[in-house]
């Protein structure tokens, strides 16, 4: 299903700053991040919403989200993280994705009025991906 942007990224057909991947899941930087280091975790197979996620992927998906949340603190120096999944409403790409965002007290994120930032270029984005990737704890 390569007409899906996230399927194409997970398959390596579309350029992205990959943070981590295995046979079932992929994590990459959001190109419109709330803060630098904002990661999207997706199943590599096309799944539209969390209720559609196959039972055998539930535990690996949550485990990967936990590991990414740990990487926000250990790799980026964040004080914590924001982890969220939209289902249909506010889901800009109709492919299940979990946002894992580094948070710091006073960072300006309030309610659902989210600031957006930009990476200077692909090299800047890839450098942030490498920082998160290096801090992901082993299984």
N, C-alpha and C. Protein backbone atom coordinates (compact mmCIF):
# COMPACT_ATOMS: atom_id res chain seq x y z
N UNK A 1 0.84 -1.18 0.00
CA UNK A 1 0.00 0.00 0.00
C UNK A 1 0.89 1.24 0.00
N UNK A 2 1.66 1.43 -1.06
CA UNK A 2 2.62 2.51 -1.10
C UNK A 2 2.00 3.89 -1.31
N UNK A 3 0.68 3.99 -1.55
CA UNK A 3 0.07 5.31 -1.62
C UNK A 3 -0.02 5.92 -0.22
N UNK A 4 0.18 5.12 0.80
CA UNK A 4 0.22 5.61 2.18
C UNK A 4 1.64 6.11 2.47
N UNK A 5 1.74 7.37 2.87
CA UNK A 5 3.03 7.99 3.14
C UNK A 5 3.83 7.21 4.20
N UNK A 6 3.17 6.77 5.27
CA UNK A 6 3.88 6.07 6.34
C UNK A 6 4.27 4.65 5.93
N UNK A 7 3.46 4.00 5.10
CA UNK A 7 3.85 2.69 4.57
C UNK A 7 5.11 2.84 3.72
N UNK A 8 5.17 3.89 2.91
CA UNK A 8 6.34 4.12 2.06
C UNK A 8 7.59 4.40 2.89
N UNK A 9 7.44 5.15 3.98
CA UNK A 9 8.59 5.40 4.86
C UNK A 9 9.02 4.10 5.52
N UNK A 10 8.07 3.34 6.07
CA UNK A 10 8.39 2.09 6.75
C UNK A 10 9.05 1.08 5.82
N UNK A 11 8.69 1.14 4.54
CA UNK A 11 9.26 0.22 3.54
C UNK A 11 10.60 0.72 2.99
N UNK A 12 11.01 1.93 3.37
CA UNK A 12 12.25 2.49 2.87
C UNK A 12 12.13 3.08 1.48
N UNK A 13 10.90 3.30 1.01
CA UNK A 13 10.67 3.84 -0.32
C UNK A 13 10.67 5.37 -0.33
N UNK A 14 10.47 5.97 0.83
CA UNK A 14 10.43 7.42 0.97
C UNK A 14 11.46 7.82 2.02
N UNK A 15 12.17 8.89 1.75
CA UNK A 15 13.22 9.39 2.65
C UNK A 15 12.63 9.83 3.98
N UNK A 16 13.29 9.46 5.06
CA UNK A 16 12.91 9.88 6.41
C UNK A 16 14.12 9.70 7.31
N UNK A 17 14.08 10.37 8.45
CA UNK A 17 15.14 10.20 9.45
C UNK A 17 14.70 9.08 10.39
N UNK A 18 15.16 7.88 10.09
CA UNK A 18 14.77 6.69 10.84
C UNK A 18 15.51 6.67 12.18
N UNK A 19 14.75 6.45 13.23
CA UNK A 19 15.29 6.36 14.58
C UNK A 19 15.52 4.91 14.95
N UNK A 20 14.59 4.05 14.56
CA UNK A 20 14.65 2.62 14.92
C UNK A 20 13.67 1.88 14.05
N UNK A 21 13.96 0.61 13.78
CA UNK A 21 12.99 -0.26 13.10
C UNK A 21 13.31 -1.71 13.38
N UNK A 22 12.29 -2.53 13.27
CA UNK A 22 12.47 -3.97 13.30
C UNK A 22 11.55 -4.54 12.22
N UNK A 23 11.27 -5.81 12.27
CA UNK A 23 10.45 -6.42 11.22
C UNK A 23 9.00 -5.92 11.20
N UNK A 24 8.50 -5.46 12.36
CA UNK A 24 7.09 -5.10 12.47
C UNK A 24 6.81 -3.61 12.64
N UNK A 25 7.79 -2.86 13.16
CA UNK A 25 7.57 -1.47 13.52
C UNK A 25 8.68 -0.59 12.99
N UNK A 26 8.38 0.68 12.85
CA UNK A 26 9.40 1.66 12.45
C UNK A 26 9.14 2.96 13.22
N UNK A 27 10.22 3.64 13.57
CA UNK A 27 10.13 4.93 14.25
C UNK A 27 10.99 5.93 13.49
N UNK A 28 10.44 7.10 13.24
CA UNK A 28 11.15 8.12 12.48
C UNK A 28 10.73 9.50 12.99
N UNK A 29 11.55 10.50 12.68
CA UNK A 29 11.24 11.85 13.14
C UNK A 29 10.09 12.44 12.35
N UNK A 30 9.21 13.14 13.07
CA UNK A 30 8.12 13.89 12.45
C UNK A 30 8.75 15.06 11.71
N UNK A 31 8.34 15.30 10.48
CA UNK A 31 8.91 16.41 9.71
C UNK A 31 8.34 17.76 10.15
N UNK A 32 7.27 17.75 10.93
CA UNK A 32 6.70 18.97 11.51
C UNK A 32 6.64 18.78 13.03
N UNK A 33 7.78 18.72 13.68
CA UNK A 33 7.80 18.33 15.10
C UNK A 33 7.26 19.41 16.03
N UNK A 34 6.68 18.95 17.12
CA UNK A 34 6.34 19.88 18.21
C UNK A 34 7.64 20.44 18.78
N UNK A 35 8.60 19.54 19.02
CA UNK A 35 9.95 19.91 19.45
C UNK A 35 10.91 18.98 18.74
N UNK A 36 12.15 19.41 18.58
CA UNK A 36 13.14 18.57 17.91
C UNK A 36 13.29 17.26 18.67
N UNK A 37 13.32 16.17 17.91
CA UNK A 37 13.38 14.83 18.49
C UNK A 37 12.02 14.16 18.54
N UNK A 38 10.94 14.83 18.10
CA UNK A 38 9.58 14.30 18.06
C UNK A 38 9.55 13.10 17.11
N UNK A 39 9.21 11.94 17.64
CA UNK A 39 9.23 10.68 16.89
C UNK A 39 7.82 10.19 16.62
N UNK A 40 7.64 9.56 15.47
CA UNK A 40 6.41 8.84 15.14
C UNK A 40 6.74 7.36 15.08
N UNK A 41 6.00 6.56 15.82
CA UNK A 41 6.15 5.10 15.82
C UNK A 41 4.98 4.53 15.03
N UNK A 42 5.27 3.68 14.04
CA UNK A 42 4.22 3.10 13.19
C UNK A 42 4.42 1.61 13.01
N UNK A 43 3.31 0.88 12.82
CA UNK A 43 3.47 -0.51 12.36
C UNK A 43 3.91 -0.47 10.90
N UNK A 44 4.77 -1.39 10.50
CA UNK A 44 5.24 -1.40 9.11
C UNK A 44 4.13 -1.85 8.15
N UNK A 45 3.23 -2.70 8.62
CA UNK A 45 2.06 -3.08 7.82
C UNK A 45 1.03 -1.97 7.96
N UNK A 46 0.22 -1.77 6.95
CA UNK A 46 -0.77 -0.71 7.01
C UNK A 46 -1.87 -1.05 8.02
N UNK A 47 -1.97 -0.22 9.03
CA UNK A 47 -3.00 -0.31 10.07
C UNK A 47 -3.49 1.13 10.25
N UNK A 48 -4.78 1.36 10.17
CA UNK A 48 -5.26 2.75 10.21
C UNK A 48 -5.40 3.33 11.61
N UNK A 49 -5.93 2.58 12.56
CA UNK A 49 -6.16 3.12 13.90
C UNK A 49 -5.74 2.10 14.96
N UNK A 50 -5.64 2.56 16.19
CA UNK A 50 -5.26 1.68 17.29
C UNK A 50 -6.22 0.49 17.43
N UNK A 51 -7.53 0.68 17.30
CA UNK A 51 -8.42 -0.48 17.38
C UNK A 51 -8.16 -1.52 16.28
N UNK A 52 -7.52 -1.12 15.18
CA UNK A 52 -7.22 -2.04 14.08
C UNK A 52 -5.91 -2.81 14.29
N UNK A 53 -5.12 -2.42 15.29
CA UNK A 53 -3.81 -3.04 15.50
C UNK A 53 -3.99 -4.51 15.85
N UNK A 54 -3.34 -5.42 15.11
CA UNK A 54 -3.45 -6.85 15.42
C UNK A 54 -2.94 -7.15 16.84
N UNK A 55 -3.58 -8.10 17.48
CA UNK A 55 -3.25 -8.46 18.87
C UNK A 55 -1.77 -8.75 19.04
N UNK A 56 -1.16 -9.40 18.07
CA UNK A 56 0.26 -9.78 18.21
C UNK A 56 1.20 -8.58 18.17
N UNK A 57 0.70 -7.41 17.77
CA UNK A 57 1.54 -6.21 17.73
C UNK A 57 1.31 -5.27 18.92
N UNK A 58 0.28 -5.55 19.73
CA UNK A 58 -0.02 -4.64 20.85
C UNK A 58 1.15 -4.51 21.81
N UNK A 59 1.69 -5.62 22.28
CA UNK A 59 2.80 -5.54 23.24
C UNK A 59 4.05 -4.95 22.61
N UNK A 60 4.47 -5.39 21.41
CA UNK A 60 5.65 -4.78 20.81
C UNK A 60 5.50 -3.28 20.55
N UNK A 61 4.29 -2.85 20.17
CA UNK A 61 4.04 -1.43 19.90
C UNK A 61 4.21 -0.62 21.18
N UNK A 62 3.60 -1.07 22.27
CA UNK A 62 3.72 -0.36 23.54
C UNK A 62 5.16 -0.41 24.06
N UNK A 63 5.80 -1.56 23.92
CA UNK A 63 7.20 -1.67 24.36
C UNK A 63 8.09 -0.68 23.60
N UNK A 64 7.89 -0.57 22.31
CA UNK A 64 8.69 0.37 21.51
C UNK A 64 8.40 1.81 21.94
N UNK A 65 7.14 2.12 22.23
CA UNK A 65 6.79 3.47 22.70
C UNK A 65 7.48 3.75 24.04
N UNK A 66 7.53 2.76 24.93
CA UNK A 66 8.22 2.92 26.22
C UNK A 66 9.70 3.20 26.00
N UNK A 67 10.32 2.44 25.12
CA UNK A 67 11.74 2.60 24.85
C UNK A 67 12.02 3.98 24.24
N UNK A 68 11.15 4.45 23.37
CA UNK A 68 11.32 5.78 22.78
C UNK A 68 11.14 6.87 23.84
N UNK A 69 10.18 6.68 24.75
CA UNK A 69 9.97 7.66 25.82
C UNK A 69 11.21 7.74 26.72
N UNK A 70 11.84 6.62 26.96
CA UNK A 70 13.09 6.59 27.74
C UNK A 70 14.19 7.33 26.99
N UNK A 71 14.24 7.15 25.67
CA UNK A 71 15.26 7.80 24.85
C UNK A 71 15.11 9.31 24.85
N UNK A 72 13.89 9.82 25.02
CA UNK A 72 13.69 11.28 25.08
C UNK A 72 14.48 11.88 26.24
N UNK A 73 14.47 11.19 27.36
CA UNK A 73 15.16 11.66 28.56
C UNK A 73 16.66 11.36 28.45
N UNK A 74 16.99 10.11 28.17
CA UNK A 74 18.40 9.70 28.15
C UNK A 74 19.20 10.28 26.99
N UNK A 75 18.57 10.44 25.83
CA UNK A 75 19.29 10.89 24.66
C UNK A 75 19.19 12.38 24.36
N UNK A 76 18.08 12.98 24.79
CA UNK A 76 17.85 14.39 24.46
C UNK A 76 17.92 15.31 25.67
N UNK A 77 18.01 14.72 26.84
CA UNK A 77 18.06 15.54 28.05
C UNK A 77 16.70 16.14 28.43
N UNK A 78 15.63 15.60 27.86
CA UNK A 78 14.29 16.06 28.21
C UNK A 78 13.98 15.65 29.65
N UNK A 79 13.05 16.34 30.26
CA UNK A 79 12.62 15.98 31.61
C UNK A 79 11.57 14.88 31.59
N UNK A 80 10.93 14.69 30.45
CA UNK A 80 9.90 13.69 30.31
C UNK A 80 9.47 13.61 28.87
N UNK A 81 8.28 13.07 28.65
CA UNK A 81 7.79 12.95 27.27
C UNK A 81 6.28 13.05 27.24
N UNK A 82 5.79 13.33 26.06
CA UNK A 82 4.37 13.33 25.75
C UNK A 82 4.17 12.20 24.76
N UNK A 83 3.25 11.27 25.05
CA UNK A 83 3.00 10.13 24.19
C UNK A 83 1.52 10.12 23.86
N UNK A 84 1.19 10.12 22.56
CA UNK A 84 -0.21 10.21 22.17
C UNK A 84 -0.48 9.50 20.85
N UNK A 85 -1.73 9.03 20.73
CA UNK A 85 -2.22 8.42 19.50
C UNK A 85 -3.57 9.04 19.19
N UNK A 86 -3.73 9.55 17.98
CA UNK A 86 -5.04 10.00 17.50
C UNK A 86 -5.65 8.86 16.69
N UNK A 87 -6.96 8.74 16.76
CA UNK A 87 -7.68 7.76 15.96
C UNK A 87 -8.70 8.50 15.10
N UNK A 88 -8.45 8.54 13.81
CA UNK A 88 -9.29 9.17 12.79
C UNK A 88 -9.29 10.69 12.93
N UNK A 89 -9.89 11.25 13.98
CA UNK A 89 -9.94 12.70 14.16
C UNK A 89 -8.54 13.19 14.52
N UNK A 90 -8.09 14.22 13.83
CA UNK A 90 -6.74 14.80 14.00
C UNK A 90 -5.63 13.86 13.58
N UNK A 91 -5.96 12.82 12.85
CA UNK A 91 -4.96 11.88 12.34
C UNK A 91 -4.62 12.33 10.92
N UNK A 92 -3.52 13.07 10.78
CA UNK A 92 -3.18 13.68 9.49
C UNK A 92 -2.83 12.66 8.42
N UNK A 93 -2.34 11.51 8.82
CA UNK A 93 -2.07 10.41 7.89
C UNK A 93 -2.88 9.23 8.40
N UNK A 94 -3.72 8.62 7.55
CA UNK A 94 -4.56 7.51 8.00
C UNK A 94 -3.78 6.20 8.14
N UNK A 95 -2.79 6.24 9.00
CA UNK A 95 -1.96 5.08 9.34
C UNK A 95 -1.64 5.26 10.82
N UNK A 96 -1.87 4.25 11.62
CA UNK A 96 -1.62 4.33 13.06
C UNK A 96 -0.23 4.87 13.32
N UNK A 97 -0.15 5.90 14.15
CA UNK A 97 1.15 6.43 14.55
C UNK A 97 1.06 6.97 15.97
N UNK A 98 2.08 6.67 16.73
CA UNK A 98 2.18 7.11 18.11
C UNK A 98 3.22 8.22 18.15
N UNK A 99 2.82 9.38 18.66
CA UNK A 99 3.73 10.51 18.83
C UNK A 99 4.49 10.33 20.13
N UNK A 100 5.79 10.43 20.09
CA UNK A 100 6.61 10.43 21.30
C UNK A 100 7.44 11.71 21.23
N UNK A 101 7.12 12.64 22.13
CA UNK A 101 7.65 14.00 22.06
C UNK A 101 8.45 14.32 23.32
N UNK A 102 9.68 14.84 23.17
CA UNK A 102 10.44 15.25 24.35
C UNK A 102 9.77 16.45 25.02
N UNK A 103 9.72 16.45 26.36
CA UNK A 103 9.10 17.55 27.10
C UNK A 103 10.06 18.08 28.16
N UNK A 104 9.99 19.36 28.36
CA UNK A 104 10.73 20.05 29.41
C UNK A 104 9.79 21.05 30.05
N UNK A 105 9.83 21.16 31.35
CA UNK A 105 8.96 22.11 32.05
C UNK A 105 9.15 23.50 31.46
N UNK A 106 8.04 24.16 31.16
CA UNK A 106 8.09 25.50 30.58
C UNK A 106 8.35 25.53 29.08
N UNK A 107 8.18 24.38 28.40
CA UNK A 107 8.48 24.32 26.96
C UNK A 107 7.40 24.97 26.09
N UNK A 108 6.30 25.39 26.69
CA UNK A 108 5.27 26.10 25.92
C UNK A 108 4.14 25.23 25.41
N UNK A 109 4.22 23.93 25.61
CA UNK A 109 3.15 23.04 25.15
C UNK A 109 2.02 23.09 26.17
N UNK A 110 0.88 23.64 25.75
CA UNK A 110 -0.27 23.77 26.65
C UNK A 110 -1.52 23.26 25.94
N UNK A 111 -2.23 22.39 26.61
CA UNK A 111 -3.47 21.88 26.04
C UNK A 111 -3.23 21.33 24.64
N UNK A 112 -4.05 21.77 23.71
CA UNK A 112 -3.90 21.28 22.34
C UNK A 112 -3.55 22.41 21.38
N UNK A 113 -2.98 23.49 21.90
CA UNK A 113 -2.44 24.56 21.07
C UNK A 113 -0.95 24.34 21.00
N UNK A 114 -0.54 23.53 20.06
CA UNK A 114 0.84 23.07 20.01
C UNK A 114 1.67 23.92 19.08
N UNK A 115 2.79 24.40 19.59
CA UNK A 115 3.72 25.10 18.69
C UNK A 115 4.39 24.08 17.78
N UNK A 116 4.82 24.51 16.66
CA UNK A 116 5.58 23.64 15.75
C UNK A 116 6.94 24.27 15.54
N UNK A 117 7.93 23.45 15.31
CA UNK A 117 9.27 23.94 15.04
C UNK A 117 9.74 23.30 13.74
N UNK A 118 10.92 23.65 13.30
CA UNK A 118 11.46 23.09 12.06
C UNK A 118 12.91 22.69 12.28
N UNK A 119 13.34 21.72 11.51
CA UNK A 119 14.75 21.37 11.47
C UNK A 119 15.41 22.28 10.43
N UNK A 120 16.66 22.64 10.68
CA UNK A 120 17.36 23.53 9.75
C UNK A 120 17.47 22.89 8.36
N UNK A 121 17.71 21.59 8.35
CA UNK A 121 17.86 20.86 7.10
C UNK A 121 17.86 19.37 7.41
N UNK A 122 18.05 18.55 6.40
CA UNK A 122 18.05 17.10 6.60
C UNK A 122 19.16 16.67 7.54
N UNK A 123 20.32 17.29 7.47
CA UNK A 123 21.44 16.93 8.35
C UNK A 123 21.09 17.20 9.81
N UNK A 124 20.44 18.32 10.08
CA UNK A 124 20.00 18.64 11.44
C UNK A 124 19.00 17.60 11.92
N UNK A 125 18.03 17.27 11.06
CA UNK A 125 17.02 16.27 11.41
C UNK A 125 17.67 14.92 11.66
N UNK A 126 18.60 14.52 10.79
CA UNK A 126 19.28 13.23 10.97
C UNK A 126 20.11 13.20 12.24
N UNK A 127 20.70 14.33 12.62
CA UNK A 127 21.48 14.39 13.87
C UNK A 127 20.58 14.16 15.07
N UNK A 128 19.37 14.74 15.05
CA UNK A 128 18.42 14.51 16.14
C UNK A 128 17.98 13.05 16.15
N UNK A 129 17.74 12.47 14.99
CA UNK A 129 17.37 11.06 14.92
C UNK A 129 18.46 10.18 15.51
N UNK A 130 19.71 10.48 15.21
CA UNK A 130 20.84 9.70 15.74
C UNK A 130 20.92 9.79 17.26
N UNK A 131 20.62 10.96 17.81
CA UNK A 131 20.64 11.12 19.27
C UNK A 131 19.58 10.25 19.92
N UNK A 132 18.37 10.26 19.38
CA UNK A 132 17.30 9.43 19.94
C UNK A 132 17.66 7.96 19.76
N UNK A 133 18.10 7.59 18.57
CA UNK A 133 18.43 6.21 18.25
C UNK A 133 19.48 5.65 19.19
N UNK A 134 20.51 6.43 19.46
CA UNK A 134 21.60 5.97 20.33
C UNK A 134 21.15 5.76 21.77
N UNK A 135 20.06 6.37 22.17
CA UNK A 135 19.60 6.29 23.55
C UNK A 135 18.48 5.27 23.77
N UNK A 136 18.03 4.60 22.71
CA UNK A 136 16.96 3.62 22.88
C UNK A 136 17.50 2.42 23.64
N UNK A 137 16.88 2.09 24.79
CA UNK A 137 17.37 0.95 25.57
C UNK A 137 17.20 -0.36 24.79
N UNK A 138 18.06 -1.32 25.05
CA UNK A 138 17.92 -2.63 24.40
C UNK A 138 16.67 -3.35 24.91
N UNK A 139 16.23 -4.35 24.16
CA UNK A 139 15.06 -5.16 24.58
C UNK A 139 15.30 -5.76 25.93
